Amino acid sequence: MAVTYHVGPHDGAFGYRLGDVWSDTYPDHDASLAAAKSAAKRQHSEGSDAEIAFQLAHGADARSSK
């Protein structure tokens, strides 16, 4: 089963979400992305990948697998 974290604007700052549940806020996109990657590593099951979907600062979509 794939786990996808989404990084984006949240409560006047940035955060990441899994489904409908948002993280705490982070001061900028990079800090939020780093936190999402850290969460993905903690959720990693051997032999499975986690995917992080996020928008770049200019609005383009991107994905990172960990």
N, C-alpha and C. Protein backbone atom coordinates (compact mmCIF):
# COMPACT_ATOMS: atom_id res chain seq x y z
N MET A 1 0.84 -1.18 0.00
CA MET A 1 0.00 0.00 0.00
C MET A 1 0.88 1.24 0.00
N ALA A 2 0.62 2.15 -0.91
CA ALA A 2 1.37 3.40 -0.99
C ALA A 2 0.88 4.39 0.05
N VAL A 3 1.81 5.10 0.66
CA VAL A 3 1.52 6.17 1.60
C VAL A 3 1.99 7.45 0.94
N THR A 4 1.09 8.43 0.76
CA THR A 4 1.43 9.67 0.09
C THR A 4 1.24 10.85 1.04
N TYR A 5 2.30 11.58 1.29
CA TYR A 5 2.26 12.82 2.06
C TYR A 5 2.17 13.98 1.08
N HIS A 6 1.32 14.94 1.36
CA HIS A 6 1.16 16.13 0.52
C HIS A 6 1.69 17.34 1.29
N VAL A 7 2.55 18.11 0.66
CA VAL A 7 3.13 19.32 1.25
C VAL A 7 2.49 20.53 0.59
N GLY A 8 2.07 21.51 1.40
CA GLY A 8 1.47 22.70 0.83
C GLY A 8 1.15 23.75 1.87
N PRO A 9 0.57 24.87 1.44
CA PRO A 9 0.19 25.94 2.37
C PRO A 9 -0.81 25.43 3.41
N HIS A 10 -0.61 25.86 4.66
CA HIS A 10 -1.48 25.41 5.75
C HIS A 10 -1.45 26.43 6.89
N ASP A 11 -2.59 26.95 7.25
CA ASP A 11 -2.73 27.89 8.38
C ASP A 11 -1.75 29.06 8.31
N GLY A 12 -1.59 29.65 7.14
CA GLY A 12 -0.73 30.82 6.98
C GLY A 12 0.75 30.50 6.92
N ALA A 13 1.10 29.23 6.87
CA ALA A 13 2.50 28.81 6.76
C ALA A 13 2.53 27.62 5.81
N PHE A 14 3.29 26.60 6.13
CA PHE A 14 3.32 25.37 5.34
C PHE A 14 3.17 24.17 6.26
N GLY A 15 2.68 23.08 5.70
CA GLY A 15 2.57 21.84 6.45
C GLY A 15 2.54 20.68 5.49
N TYR A 16 2.37 19.50 6.03
CA TYR A 16 2.17 18.32 5.18
C TYR A 16 0.97 17.57 5.73
N ARG A 17 0.34 16.80 4.86
CA ARG A 17 -0.83 16.06 5.30
C ARG A 17 -0.78 14.64 4.76
N LEU A 18 -1.45 13.78 5.48
CA LEU A 18 -1.68 12.41 5.07
C LEU A 18 -3.19 12.25 5.10
N GLY A 19 -3.79 12.09 3.94
CA GLY A 19 -5.26 12.08 3.88
C GLY A 19 -5.77 13.46 4.21
N ASP A 20 -6.65 13.55 5.20
CA ASP A 20 -7.22 14.83 5.61
C ASP A 20 -6.55 15.40 6.87
N VAL A 21 -5.52 14.75 7.37
CA VAL A 21 -4.88 15.15 8.62
C VAL A 21 -3.60 15.93 8.33
N TRP A 22 -3.57 17.19 8.83
CA TRP A 22 -2.43 18.07 8.61
C TRP A 22 -1.44 17.98 9.77
N SER A 23 -0.19 18.22 9.46
CA SER A 23 0.88 18.31 10.46
C SER A 23 0.80 19.66 11.17
N ASP A 24 1.75 19.85 12.08
CA ASP A 24 1.97 21.19 12.61
C ASP A 24 2.43 22.07 11.46
N THR A 25 2.44 23.38 11.68
CA THR A 25 2.91 24.29 10.63
C THR A 25 4.43 24.46 10.72
N TYR A 26 5.01 24.79 9.57
CA TYR A 26 6.45 25.03 9.45
C TYR A 26 6.63 26.37 8.76
N PRO A 27 7.73 27.06 9.03
CA PRO A 27 7.88 28.43 8.52
C PRO A 27 7.99 28.55 7.01
N ASP A 28 8.46 27.48 6.35
CA ASP A 28 8.60 27.57 4.91
C ASP A 28 8.44 26.19 4.27
N HIS A 29 8.40 26.19 2.95
CA HIS A 29 8.19 24.96 2.18
C HIS A 29 9.28 23.93 2.46
N ASP A 30 10.54 24.38 2.47
CA ASP A 30 11.65 23.45 2.67
C ASP A 30 11.57 22.75 4.02
N ALA A 31 11.23 23.48 5.06
CA ALA A 31 11.12 22.87 6.40
C ALA A 31 9.97 21.86 6.43
N SER A 32 8.86 22.19 5.78
CA SER A 32 7.73 21.27 5.72
C SER A 32 8.08 20.01 4.93
N LEU A 33 8.77 20.18 3.82
CA LEU A 33 9.18 19.03 3.01
C LEU A 33 10.14 18.14 3.80
N ALA A 34 11.07 18.73 4.52
CA ALA A 34 12.00 17.95 5.34
C ALA A 34 11.25 17.16 6.41
N ALA A 35 10.26 17.78 7.03
CA ALA A 35 9.46 17.09 8.05
C ALA A 35 8.66 15.94 7.43
N ALA A 36 8.12 16.15 6.23
CA ALA A 36 7.37 15.09 5.55
C ALA A 36 8.28 13.93 5.20
N LYS A 37 9.49 14.22 4.75
CA LYS A 37 10.45 13.15 4.45
C LYS A 37 10.82 12.38 5.71
N SER A 38 10.97 13.09 6.81
CA SER A 38 11.27 12.43 8.08
C SER A 38 10.12 11.52 8.50
N ALA A 39 8.90 12.00 8.35
CA ALA A 39 7.72 11.18 8.68
C ALA A 39 7.66 9.96 7.78
N ALA A 40 7.96 10.13 6.50
CA ALA A 40 7.93 9.01 5.57
C ALA A 40 8.96 7.96 5.96
N LYS A 41 10.13 8.38 6.39
CA LYS A 41 11.15 7.42 6.82
C LYS A 41 10.69 6.63 8.03
N ARG A 42 10.01 7.30 8.96
CA ARG A 42 9.51 6.61 10.16
C ARG A 42 8.39 5.64 9.83
N GLN A 43 7.65 5.89 8.75
CA GLN A 43 6.55 5.03 8.35
C GLN A 43 6.98 3.93 7.40
N HIS A 44 8.25 3.93 7.01
CA HIS A 44 8.75 2.99 6.00
C HIS A 44 8.61 1.54 6.47
N SER A 45 8.05 0.72 5.64
CA SER A 45 8.01 -0.71 5.86
C SER A 45 9.00 -1.34 4.89
N GLU A 46 9.76 -2.28 5.36
CA GLU A 46 10.78 -2.90 4.51
C GLU A 46 10.16 -3.38 3.20
N GLY A 47 10.78 -2.98 2.10
CA GLY A 47 10.30 -3.39 0.79
C GLY A 47 9.19 -2.51 0.23
N SER A 48 8.77 -1.47 0.95
CA SER A 48 7.71 -0.58 0.48
C SER A 48 8.26 0.83 0.33
N ASP A 49 7.69 1.58 -0.60
CA ASP A 49 8.07 2.97 -0.80
C ASP A 49 6.97 3.88 -0.29
N ALA A 50 7.36 5.07 0.14
CA ALA A 50 6.42 6.13 0.48
C ALA A 50 6.62 7.24 -0.53
N GLU A 51 5.56 7.92 -0.88
CA GLU A 51 5.65 9.00 -1.86
C GLU A 51 5.24 10.30 -1.22
N ILE A 52 5.96 11.36 -1.51
CA ILE A 52 5.64 12.70 -1.02
C ILE A 52 5.29 13.55 -2.23
N ALA A 53 4.07 14.09 -2.25
CA ALA A 53 3.64 14.98 -3.33
C ALA A 53 3.70 16.41 -2.79
N PHE A 54 4.27 17.32 -3.57
CA PHE A 54 4.38 18.70 -3.11
C PHE A 54 4.43 19.64 -4.30
N GLN A 55 4.15 20.91 -4.02
CA GLN A 55 4.27 21.94 -5.04
C GLN A 55 5.57 22.68 -4.83
N LEU A 56 6.26 22.95 -5.92
CA LEU A 56 7.46 23.78 -5.86
C LEU A 56 7.05 25.22 -5.60
N ALA A 57 7.97 26.05 -5.24
CA ALA A 57 7.66 27.44 -4.92
C ALA A 57 6.91 28.14 -6.04
N HIS A 58 7.20 27.80 -7.30
CA HIS A 58 6.52 28.45 -8.43
C HIS A 58 5.22 27.76 -8.81
N GLY A 59 4.79 26.75 -8.05
CA GLY A 59 3.48 26.15 -8.26
C GLY A 59 3.45 24.83 -9.02
N ALA A 60 4.57 24.39 -9.58
CA ALA A 60 4.60 23.13 -10.31
C ALA A 60 4.55 21.95 -9.34
N ASP A 61 3.86 20.89 -9.72
CA ASP A 61 3.79 19.69 -8.90
C ASP A 61 5.06 18.88 -9.03
N ALA A 62 5.44 18.24 -7.94
CA ALA A 62 6.62 17.36 -7.94
C ALA A 62 6.35 16.21 -7.00
N ARG A 63 7.14 15.15 -7.12
CA ARG A 63 7.01 13.98 -6.25
C ARG A 63 8.39 13.49 -5.88
N SER A 64 8.47 12.93 -4.68
CA SER A 64 9.72 12.36 -4.19
C SER A 64 9.39 11.03 -3.55
N SER A 65 10.10 10.00 -3.92
CA SER A 65 9.89 8.67 -3.32
C SER A 65 11.00 8.41 -2.31
N LYS A 66 10.61 7.88 -1.19
CA LYS A 66 11.57 7.52 -0.13
C LYS A 66 11.23 6.17 0.39
